[in-house]
C-alpha cells in the first residue's frame, strides 16, 4: 500500500510541470490569434465593385466613388480595374458632370489598351462626353468645336476598332445619329443644295449618282479655271522659246546683273514668269470650300460607292478600303499621289538649272501631301475630286504644250566681225571702188 501511495505522489509531481506547459502554450496561441480574429474579414474586389454599383443606384455618389477607387487600387491594370475605371468615368460624366476627370480616365484607358473592347468603349464614351459638353454649352463656336470632336471620336471608333462589337453596335448608331443631325442642319445651305442637285441628276443611285456628281463638279471647276491655265500655258511656251537666250545670259552675267538682264528680256518679249501662280492661288480657296462642303454633305456621300469603295470590299480589307465615299480609302489616295507626281513632273521648267531641283520638289510634295491626307483621314469623295482634277489638268497641259516651240532667239551668239586687212595705196588709187569694198565688212547672211 505504501508503494501505491508513493507511485501516486510521483505522478502528481510530474503532472504539475505538464499542466503549466499546457497553460503556457494556450496563452501563447491566444495572444497570436486574438489580433487576427479581431480584424474584419477582407472583401474581394468583385464584391466591392457590386457595392459601388449598389451605392450608385441609391444616389450615394461619394460612397460609390470611394468604392470604385478602392477597386482600381486593388485590381491595377486587370480587366476588373478597367471596368471600375469605365464605371467611375461614367459616374463623373453622367451624374457629377466632372467632365475633365472623366476625359482623363477615358484617355488613360485608350492609351493603356489601344485595341479591343475596353479601348473601343473608352473611345465611344469620349465621344458621348463631348456631346454632353456640347449640350451644356451656350457658345455657338464652342458647340461646333465640341460637335466636331465628338464626330472625330466616333470616326475613331469606326476606324481603329471597327472589328469590335462596340463599333458595330452602339458606335455605328451614334455616328449615324450625329451625321444625320449635322445633315439636317445644313439642308438649307447653298453648297448642300448644289451637291444635292448634282446627285439628283442621275436619280440618287448609290453606285452611280454620287461619284458622277463629283465628276461633274470637277468639270465645272476645270472649265472655270481654263482661261487662267491657258494664259499660263502660253506664258510657259514663250519662256521655253527664250531658253537659249537665258542660257547665254547665264554664261555672261552673274548675280544682280543677271536678274536685271533676264527681267529686261522677259519684258521685251512680254513674258510673265509668275503667270503660273494665279491658277494655283485661285484653286486654294476652291479646295478649302470643297472640303467643307463635302464634310457638310458627308452623310449623303456615305450612301454612295465607287468601284472598289463599297461595304463588301471594306469588310475584306478593313482599315484599307473605304465602305463608302464618306470614308477614307488608301488605294485611291495612292492613285492620287501618283497623279500628283506625274502632273508636277510634266510641268515645264523655264530655267534648265532648276530641273534637278524640280525633281526633288515634286517627290517631296507628293510624299508630304500623301502623308497629310492619310493623317487627316480625308474622305474619299474629296480625294476623288483631286485625283480627277490632276488627270484633267495634265491632259490640258499635254494638249497645249504638245508642239515643240521654235526658239525666238538664236541659241549661239553672232560671230565676231573680222577687221579688214589694209590695202596698198597704189592698188587703192588704181581701183578706188575695190578699196572701199575691201574696207567694208562682209554682211552676215
Protein backbone atom coordinates (compact mmCIF):
# COMPACT_ATOMS: atom_id res chain seq x y z
CA UNK A 1 0.00 0.00 0.00
CA UNK A 2 2.88 2.27 0.75
CA UNK A 3 4.26 1.57 -2.64
CA UNK A 4 0.96 2.59 -4.28
CA UNK A 5 0.89 5.86 -2.40
CA UNK A 6 4.45 6.55 -3.45
CA UNK A 7 3.63 5.97 -7.16
CA UNK A 8 0.59 8.20 -6.96
CA UNK A 9 2.56 11.03 -5.41
CA UNK A 10 5.27 10.75 -8.08
CA UNK A 11 2.68 11.03 -10.89
CA UNK A 12 1.18 14.13 -9.29
CA UNK A 13 4.61 15.69 -9.06
CA UNK A 14 5.20 15.01 -12.79
CA UNK A 15 1.78 16.37 -13.86
CA UNK A 16 2.43 19.76 -12.31
CA UNK A 17 5.02 20.87 -14.92
CA UNK A 18 2.97 19.37 -17.77
CA UNK A 19 -0.08 21.39 -16.75
CA UNK A 20 1.94 24.55 -16.52
CA UNK A 21 3.36 23.94 -20.01
CA UNK A 22 -0.13 23.41 -21.43
CA UNK A 23 -1.35 26.66 -19.90
CA UNK A 24 1.66 28.49 -21.31
CA UNK A 25 1.00 27.13 -24.82
CA UNK A 26 -2.66 28.06 -24.54
CA UNK A 27 -1.86 31.63 -23.55
CA UNK A 28 0.69 31.96 -26.38
CA UNK A 29 -1.76 30.75 -29.01
CA UNK A 30 -4.43 33.06 -27.66
CA UNK A 31 -2.07 36.03 -27.87
CA UNK A 32 -1.30 35.16 -31.51
CA UNK A 33 -4.86 34.51 -32.68
CA UNK A 34 -6.75 37.31 -30.95
CA UNK A 35 -5.39 40.12 -33.25
CA UNK A 36 -6.19 38.03 -36.28
CA UNK A 37 -9.72 37.33 -35.11
CA UNK A 38 -10.17 40.98 -34.20
CA UNK A 39 -9.55 42.07 -37.83
CA UNK A 40 -12.64 42.21 -40.15
CA UNK A 41 -12.89 39.74 -43.00
CA UNK A 42 -11.38 41.19 -46.27
CA UNK A 43 -13.84 41.72 -49.14
CA UNK A 44 -12.93 40.70 -52.69
CA UNK A 45 -12.70 43.41 -55.43
CA UNK A 46 -15.71 41.87 -57.19
CA UNK A 47 -17.82 42.31 -54.08
CA UNK A 48 -16.57 45.88 -53.64
CA UNK A 49 -17.50 46.63 -57.26
CA UNK A 50 -21.03 45.34 -56.62
CA UNK A 51 -21.25 47.51 -53.52
CA UNK A 52 -20.15 50.53 -55.58
CA UNK A 53 -22.82 49.85 -58.19
CA UNK A 54 -25.43 49.49 -55.44
CA UNK A 55 -24.32 52.78 -53.90
CA UNK A 56 -24.53 54.50 -57.28
CA UNK A 57 -28.07 53.18 -57.79
CA UNK A 58 -29.01 54.59 -54.39
CA UNK A 59 -27.59 58.01 -55.44
CA UNK A 60 -24.84 57.73 -52.83
CA UNK A 61 -22.26 59.08 -55.25
CA UNK A 62 -19.40 59.87 -52.81
CA UNK A 63 -19.52 56.32 -51.45
CA UNK A 64 -19.68 54.89 -54.96
CA UNK A 65 -16.66 56.97 -55.98
CA UNK A 66 -14.71 55.76 -52.93
CA UNK A 67 -15.51 52.13 -53.65
CA UNK A 68 -14.63 52.45 -57.34
CA UNK A 69 -11.29 53.96 -56.36
CA UNK A 70 -10.73 51.07 -53.96
CA UNK A 71 -11.34 48.52 -56.73
CA UNK A 72 -8.99 50.38 -59.09
CA UNK A 73 -6.20 50.41 -56.49
CA UNK A 74 -6.71 46.74 -55.66
CA UNK A 75 -7.06 45.46 -59.24
CA UNK A 76 -4.47 47.59 -61.05
CA UNK A 77 -4.45 47.08 -64.83
CA UNK A 78 -6.63 43.96 -64.78
CA UNK A 79 -9.93 43.85 -66.68
CA UNK A 80 -11.74 44.34 -63.36
CA UNK A 81 -9.77 47.53 -62.77
CA UNK A 82 -10.59 48.70 -66.31
CA UNK A 83 -14.29 48.08 -65.68
CA UNK A 84 -14.06 50.08 -62.45
CA UNK A 85 -12.39 52.94 -64.36
CA UNK A 86 -15.13 52.91 -67.00
CA UNK A 87 -17.85 52.99 -64.35
CA UNK A 88 -16.11 55.75 -62.40
CA UNK A 89 -15.66 57.84 -65.57
CA UNK A 90 -19.34 57.30 -66.43
CA UNK A 91 -20.24 58.45 -62.91
CA UNK A 92 -18.17 61.60 -63.38
CA UNK A 93 -19.70 62.25 -66.82
CA UNK A 94 -23.39 61.43 -66.29
CA UNK A 95 -24.07 62.12 -62.61
CA UNK A 96 -21.45 64.54 -61.29
CA UNK A 97 -20.66 66.39 -64.58
CA UNK A 98 -16.94 66.38 -63.78
CA UNK A 99 -16.00 66.22 -67.43
CA UNK A 100 -12.20 66.79 -67.21
CA UNK A 101 -11.76 63.89 -64.76
CA UNK A 102 -13.89 61.60 -66.91
CA UNK A 103 -11.95 62.59 -70.02
CA UNK A 104 -8.66 61.83 -68.26
CA UNK A 105 -9.83 58.33 -67.29
CA UNK A 106 -11.06 57.54 -70.81
CA UNK A 107 -7.81 58.72 -72.39
CA UNK A 108 -5.82 56.61 -69.91
CA UNK A 109 -7.81 53.52 -70.89
CA UNK A 110 -7.33 54.17 -74.63
CA UNK A 111 -3.61 54.66 -74.14
CA UNK A 112 -3.28 51.58 -71.92
CA UNK A 113 -5.24 49.07 -74.00
CA UNK A 114 -5.01 50.59 -77.55
CA UNK A 115 -7.20 47.88 -79.04
CA UNK A 116 -10.05 45.61 -78.05
CA UNK A 117 -13.41 46.17 -76.46
CA UNK A 118 -12.17 48.21 -73.50
CA UNK A 119 -10.36 50.77 -75.66
CA UNK A 120 -13.32 50.92 -78.05
CA UNK A 121 -15.70 51.51 -75.15
CA UNK A 122 -13.47 54.31 -73.80
CA UNK A 123 -13.25 55.98 -77.22
CA UNK A 124 -17.02 55.74 -77.64
CA UNK A 125 -17.69 57.25 -74.21
CA UNK A 126 -15.25 60.04 -75.02
CA UNK A 127 -17.48 61.00 -77.95
CA UNK A 128 -20.51 60.87 -75.66
CA UNK A 129 -18.68 63.15 -73.24
CA UNK A 130 -18.12 65.75 -75.98
CA UNK A 131 -21.79 65.59 -76.90
CA UNK A 132 -22.81 66.18 -73.27
CA UNK A 133 -20.45 69.13 -73.07
CA UNK A 134 -21.96 70.47 -76.29
CA UNK A 135 -25.45 70.27 -74.79
CA UNK A 136 -24.31 72.26 -71.75
CA UNK A 137 -22.52 74.96 -73.77
CA UNK A 138 -24.24 78.13 -74.99
CA UNK A 139 -21.40 79.48 -77.15
CA UNK A 140 -22.04 78.59 -80.85
CA UNK A 141 -18.33 78.34 -81.69
CA UNK A 142 -17.67 76.07 -78.73
CA UNK A 143 -20.67 73.95 -79.63
CA UNK A 144 -19.38 73.48 -83.19
CA UNK A 145 -15.90 72.61 -81.92
CA UNK A 146 -17.29 70.04 -79.46
CA UNK A 147 -19.51 68.58 -82.16
CA UNK A 148 -16.50 68.09 -84.43
CA UNK A 149 -14.56 66.48 -81.59
CA UNK A 150 -17.45 64.09 -80.93
CA UNK A 151 -17.60 63.28 -84.64
CA UNK A 152 -13.87 62.57 -84.72
CA UNK A 153 -14.18 60.34 -81.66
CA UNK A 154 -16.94 58.28 -83.29
CA UNK A 155 -14.94 58.09 -86.51
CA UNK A 156 -12.00 56.83 -84.49
CA UNK A 157 -14.14 54.05 -83.08
CA UNK A 158 -15.16 53.09 -86.62
CA UNK A 159 -11.63 53.39 -87.98
CA UNK A 160 -9.42 51.92 -85.23
CA UNK A 161 -11.84 49.49 -83.56
CA UNK A 162 -14.08 48.54 -86.48
CA UNK A 163 -13.95 44.80 -85.69
CA UNK A 164 -15.23 45.19 -82.11
CA UNK A 165 -18.81 44.70 -81.03
CA UNK A 166 -18.86 48.25 -79.64
CA UNK A 167 -18.03 49.75 -83.06
CA UNK A 168 -20.56 47.57 -84.90
CA UNK A 169 -23.32 48.28 -82.42
CA UNK A 170 -23.58 51.49 -80.42
CA UNK A 171 -20.62 53.12 -82.19
CA UNK A 172 -22.29 52.92 -85.60
CA UNK A 173 -25.61 54.11 -84.19
CA UNK A 174 -24.08 57.16 -82.52
CA UNK A 175 -22.07 58.09 -85.61
CA UNK A 176 -25.12 57.82 -87.88
CA UNK A 177 -27.23 59.84 -85.46
CA UNK A 178 -24.67 62.64 -85.25
CA UNK A 179 -24.15 62.76 -89.03
CA UNK A 180 -27.90 62.80 -89.57
CA UNK A 181 -28.24 65.72 -87.17
CA UNK A 182 -25.49 67.66 -88.98
CA UNK A 183 -27.08 66.81 -92.33
CA UNK A 184 -30.47 68.14 -91.26
CA UNK A 185 -28.92 71.36 -90.01
CA UNK A 186 -27.17 72.03 -93.34
CA UNK A 187 -30.01 71.18 -95.71
CA UNK A 188 -30.74 74.83 -96.50
CA UNK A 189 -27.12 75.75 -97.20
CA UNK A 190 -26.47 76.72 -100.88
CA UNK A 191 -23.49 74.35 -101.16
CA UNK A 192 -25.57 71.47 -99.80
CA UNK A 193 -28.33 72.21 -102.32
CA UNK A 194 -25.81 72.38 -105.15
CA UNK A 195 -24.44 68.92 -104.33
CA UNK A 196 -27.98 67.64 -103.91
CA UNK A 197 -28.90 68.86 -107.40
CA UNK A 198 -25.85 67.16 -108.94
CA UNK A 199 -26.70 63.88 -107.19
CA UNK A 200 -30.37 64.12 -108.20
CA UNK A 201 -29.46 64.44 -111.90
CA UNK A 202 -28.82 60.70 -112.10
CA UNK A 203 -31.57 59.56 -109.74
CA UNK A 204 -29.63 59.20 -106.45
CA UNK A 205 -28.32 55.74 -107.38
CA UNK A 206 -25.73 54.51 -104.81
CA UNK A 207 -23.42 53.00 -107.44
CA UNK A 208 -23.67 55.92 -109.89
CA UNK A 209 -25.07 59.24 -108.72
CA UNK A 210 -22.53 60.27 -106.09
CA UNK A 211 -19.28 59.75 -107.98
CA UNK A 212 -20.88 61.19 -111.14
CA UNK A 213 -21.71 64.31 -109.10
CA UNK A 214 -18.03 64.59 -108.16
CA UNK A 215 -17.03 64.25 -111.82
CA UNK A 216 -19.50 66.97 -112.85
CA UNK A 217 -18.22 69.28 -110.12
CA UNK A 218 -14.63 68.67 -111.25
CA UNK A 219 -15.54 69.53 -114.84
CA UNK A 220 -17.19 72.74 -113.70
CA UNK A 221 -14.14 73.83 -111.72
CA UNK A 222 -11.76 72.95 -114.57
CA UNK A 223 -13.92 74.92 -117.02
CA UNK A 224 -13.81 77.97 -114.75
CA UNK A 225 -10.03 77.75 -114.38
CA UNK A 226 -9.31 77.04 -118.06
CA UNK A 227 -8.79 80.71 -119.14
CA UNK A 228 -6.22 81.20 -116.40
CA UNK A 229 -4.47 77.96 -117.21
CA UNK A 230 -4.40 78.74 -120.95
CA UNK A 231 -2.73 82.07 -120.18
CA UNK A 232 -0.20 80.20 -118.06
CA UNK A 233 0.46 77.66 -120.82
CA UNK A 234 1.09 80.47 -123.31
CA UNK A 235 3.48 82.14 -120.92
CA UNK A 236 5.34 78.86 -120.39
CA UNK A 237 5.65 78.33 -124.14
CA UNK A 238 7.09 81.80 -124.62
CA UNK A 239 9.54 81.20 -121.80
CA UNK A 240 10.55 77.91 -123.37
CA UNK A 241 11.36 79.81 -126.59
CA UNK A 242 13.66 82.08 -124.61
CA UNK A 243 15.65 79.23 -123.06
CA UNK A 244 18.66 79.64 -125.43
CA UNK A 245 18.89 83.35 -124.70
CA UNK A 246 18.51 82.73 -120.97
CA UNK A 247 21.34 80.20 -121.16
CA UNK A 248 23.56 82.73 -122.94
CA UNK A 249 22.79 85.38 -120.30
CA UNK A 250 23.74 82.97 -117.53
CA UNK A 251 27.10 82.38 -119.17
CA UNK A 252 27.88 86.09 -119.48
CA UNK A 253 26.39 87.61 -116.30
CA UNK A 254 26.15 86.78 -112.61
CA UNK A 255 24.25 88.00 -109.55
CA UNK A 256 22.08 91.09 -109.67
CA UNK A 257 23.15 91.99 -113.17
CA UNK A 258 21.89 88.61 -114.41
CA UNK A 259 18.49 89.19 -112.79
CA UNK A 260 18.21 92.60 -114.40
CA UNK A 261 19.10 91.26 -117.84
CA UNK A 262 16.60 88.40 -117.51
CA UNK A 263 13.80 90.72 -116.42
CA UNK A 264 14.64 93.00 -119.34
CA UNK A 265 14.48 90.02 -121.69
CA UNK A 266 11.08 88.93 -120.33
CA UNK A 267 9.81 92.48 -120.62
CA UNK A 268 10.92 92.79 -124.24
CA UNK A 269 9.12 89.60 -125.21
CA UNK A 270 6.09 90.34 -122.95
CA UNK A 271 6.51 87.19 -120.84
CA UNK A 272 5.34 86.95 -117.22
CA UNK A 273 7.38 84.38 -115.21
CA UNK A 274 4.80 84.43 -112.39
CA UNK A 275 1.84 83.64 -114.64
CA UNK A 276 1.52 80.14 -113.18
CA UNK A 277 0.97 81.42 -109.63
CA UNK A 278 -2.50 82.81 -110.28
CA UNK A 279 -4.19 79.48 -111.17
CA UNK A 280 -2.65 77.88 -108.09
CA UNK A 281 -3.75 80.72 -105.82
CA UNK A 282 -7.29 80.58 -107.20
CA UNK A 283 -7.50 76.83 -106.53
CA UNK A 284 -6.63 77.14 -102.83
CA UNK A 285 -9.95 78.72 -101.69
CA UNK A 286 -11.81 76.34 -104.02
CA UNK A 287 -10.18 73.33 -102.34
CA UNK A 288 -10.89 74.66 -98.85
CA UNK A 289 -14.52 75.37 -99.71
CA UNK A 290 -14.85 71.99 -101.40
CA UNK A 291 -13.51 70.19 -98.32
CA UNK A 292 -16.04 71.83 -96.02
CA UNK A 293 -18.93 71.27 -98.42
CA UNK A 294 -18.05 67.57 -98.70
CA UNK A 295 -17.92 67.38 -94.92
CA UNK A 296 -21.30 69.10 -94.91
CA UNK A 297 -22.70 66.55 -97.36
CA UNK A 298 -20.86 63.61 -95.77
CA UNK A 299 -23.95 61.82 -94.51
CA UNK A 300 -25.29 61.69 -98.08
CA UNK A 301 -21.90 60.68 -99.50
CA UNK A 302 -21.91 57.75 -97.09
CA UNK A 303 -24.70 56.31 -99.26
CA UNK A 304 -22.54 56.34 -102.43
CA UNK A 305 -20.00 53.82 -103.73
CA UNK A 306 -17.28 53.87 -106.38
CA UNK A 307 -15.73 50.78 -107.98
CA UNK A 308 -13.85 49.08 -105.09
CA UNK A 309 -15.13 51.57 -102.48
CA UNK A 310 -18.07 49.59 -101.11
CA UNK A 311 -19.04 47.67 -97.94
CA UNK A 312 -18.20 44.28 -99.45
CA UNK A 313 -14.56 45.24 -100.06
CA UNK A 314 -14.32 47.16 -96.81
CA UNK A 315 -15.19 44.02 -94.83
CA UNK A 316 -12.40 42.09 -96.54
CA UNK A 317 -9.81 44.86 -96.22
CA UNK A 318 -10.71 46.74 -93.03
CA UNK A 319 -8.78 49.96 -92.48
CA UNK A 320 -7.54 49.98 -96.10
CA UNK A 321 -10.61 50.19 -98.32
CA UNK A 322 -13.44 52.59 -97.51
CA UNK A 323 -17.01 51.36 -97.23
CA UNK A 324 -18.41 54.44 -98.98
CA UNK A 325 -17.41 57.82 -100.41
CA UNK A 326 -17.69 59.41 -96.99
CA UNK A 327 -14.84 57.30 -95.59
CA UNK A 328 -11.10 57.31 -96.13
CA UNK A 329 -9.70 54.98 -98.82
CA UNK A 330 -6.00 54.13 -99.07
CA UNK A 331 -5.84 52.79 -102.70
CA UNK A 332 -7.48 55.97 -104.00
CA UNK A 333 -5.01 58.05 -102.00
CA UNK A 334 -2.09 56.17 -103.62
CA UNK A 335 -3.56 56.81 -107.08
CA UNK A 336 -3.89 60.49 -106.21
CA UNK A 337 -0.23 60.64 -105.10
CA UNK A 338 0.89 59.07 -108.40
CA UNK A 339 -1.21 61.54 -110.40
CA UNK A 340 0.20 64.47 -108.40
CA UNK A 341 3.79 63.38 -109.05
CA UNK A 342 3.17 62.90 -112.78
CA UNK A 343 1.46 66.29 -113.05
CA UNK A 344 4.37 68.06 -111.39
CA UNK A 345 6.98 66.24 -113.42
CA UNK A 346 5.24 67.17 -116.69
CA UNK A 347 5.12 70.84 -115.72
CA UNK A 348 7.61 72.66 -117.98
CA UNK A 349 10.55 74.37 -116.29
CA UNK A 350 11.67 77.64 -117.85
CA UNK A 351 15.07 77.56 -116.16
CA UNK A 352 17.17 74.47 -117.04
CA UNK A 353 19.24 74.98 -113.90
CA UNK A 354 16.13 74.26 -111.80
CA UNK A 355 15.31 70.95 -113.47
CA UNK A 356 17.12 68.83 -110.85
CA UNK A 357 15.63 70.86 -108.05
CA UNK A 358 12.19 70.34 -109.56
CA UNK A 359 12.61 66.57 -109.35
CA UNK A 360 13.26 66.73 -105.62
CA UNK A 361 10.44 69.22 -105.08
CA UNK A 362 7.95 67.01 -106.92
CA UNK A 363 8.87 63.97 -104.85
CA UNK A 364 8.81 65.90 -101.58
CA UNK A 365 5.42 67.48 -102.29
CA UNK A 366 3.94 64.10 -103.26
CA UNK A 367 5.11 62.42 -100.06
CA UNK A 368 4.06 65.39 -97.93
CA UNK A 369 0.55 65.62 -99.39
CA UNK A 370 0.01 61.88 -99.15
CA UNK A 371 1.11 61.85 -95.52
CA UNK A 372 -1.12 64.78 -94.56
CA UNK A 373 -4.17 63.37 -96.33
CA UNK A 374 -3.59 59.99 -94.68
CA UNK A 375 -3.09 61.60 -91.27
CA UNK A 376 -6.24 63.72 -91.52
CA UNK A 377 -8.22 60.81 -92.99
CA UNK A 378 -9.74 62.83 -95.83
CA UNK A 379 -12.99 61.34 -97.17
CA UNK A 380 -12.61 59.50 -100.46
CA UNK A 381 -15.06 61.92 -102.15
CA UNK A 382 -12.55 64.76 -101.66
CA UNK A 383 -9.58 62.62 -102.78
CA UNK A 384 -11.55 61.51 -105.85
CA UNK A 385 -12.12 65.14 -106.86
CA UNK A 386 -8.41 65.92 -106.52
CA UNK A 387 -7.44 62.79 -108.45
CA UNK A 388 -9.78 63.64 -111.35
CA UNK A 389 -8.61 67.25 -111.28
CA UNK A 390 -4.98 66.16 -111.66
CA UNK A 391 -5.85 63.93 -114.63
CA UNK A 392 -7.78 66.69 -116.43
CA UNK A 393 -5.14 69.34 -115.78
CA UNK A 394 -2.41 67.03 -117.07
CA UNK A 395 -4.45 66.35 -120.22
CA UNK A 396 -4.87 70.10 -120.73
CA UNK A 397 -1.17 70.64 -120.28
CA UNK A 398 -0.21 67.96 -122.77
CA UNK A 399 -2.68 69.36 -125.30
CA UNK A 400 -1.41 72.94 -125.14
CA UNK A 401 2.28 72.05 -124.84
CA UNK A 402 2.39 69.20 -127.34
CA UNK A 403 4.04 71.27 -130.13
CA UNK A 404 7.71 71.98 -129.62
CA UNK A 405 8.18 75.75 -129.90
CA UNK A 406 10.74 77.24 -132.28
CA UNK A 407 13.31 79.37 -130.44
CA UNK A 408 12.69 83.06 -130.99
CA UNK A 409 16.30 83.98 -130.24
CA UNK A 410 19.35 82.25 -131.76
CA UNK A 411 20.98 79.77 -129.46
CA UNK A 412 24.55 80.82 -130.29
CA UNK A 413 25.88 84.39 -130.25
CA UNK A 414 26.72 86.03 -133.60
CA UNK A 415 30.24 85.54 -134.93
CA UNK A 416 32.72 88.29 -134.22
CA UNK A 417 33.38 90.68 -137.09
CA UNK A 418 36.85 90.42 -138.64
CA UNK A 419 38.94 93.55 -139.11
CA UNK A 420 39.69 94.10 -142.85
CA UNK A 421 43.34 93.87 -143.96
CA UNK A 422 44.95 97.14 -145.18
CA UNK A 423 45.12 97.61 -148.97
CA UNK A 424 48.27 99.04 -150.58
CA UNK A 425 47.98 102.70 -151.58
CA UNK A 426 48.81 102.04 -155.28
CA UNK A 427 46.13 99.44 -155.54
CA UNK A 428 43.65 101.66 -153.80
CA UNK A 429 44.43 104.59 -156.13
CA UNK A 430 44.13 102.46 -159.27
CA UNK A 431 40.88 100.85 -158.13
CA UNK A 432 39.10 103.05 -155.58
CA UNK A 433 35.87 101.05 -155.75
CA UNK A 434 37.63 97.84 -154.82
CA UNK A 435 39.43 99.59 -152.00
CA UNK A 436 36.19 100.88 -150.50
CA UNK A 437 34.55 97.49 -150.75
CA UNK A 438 37.51 95.89 -149.06
CA UNK A 439 37.22 98.21 -146.13
CA UNK A 440 33.58 97.29 -145.53
CA UNK A 441 32.97 94.12 -143.53
CA UNK A 442 31.00 91.43 -145.22
CA UNK A 443 27.40 91.43 -144.20
CA UNK A 444 26.36 88.26 -142.48
CA UNK A 445 23.57 86.38 -144.11
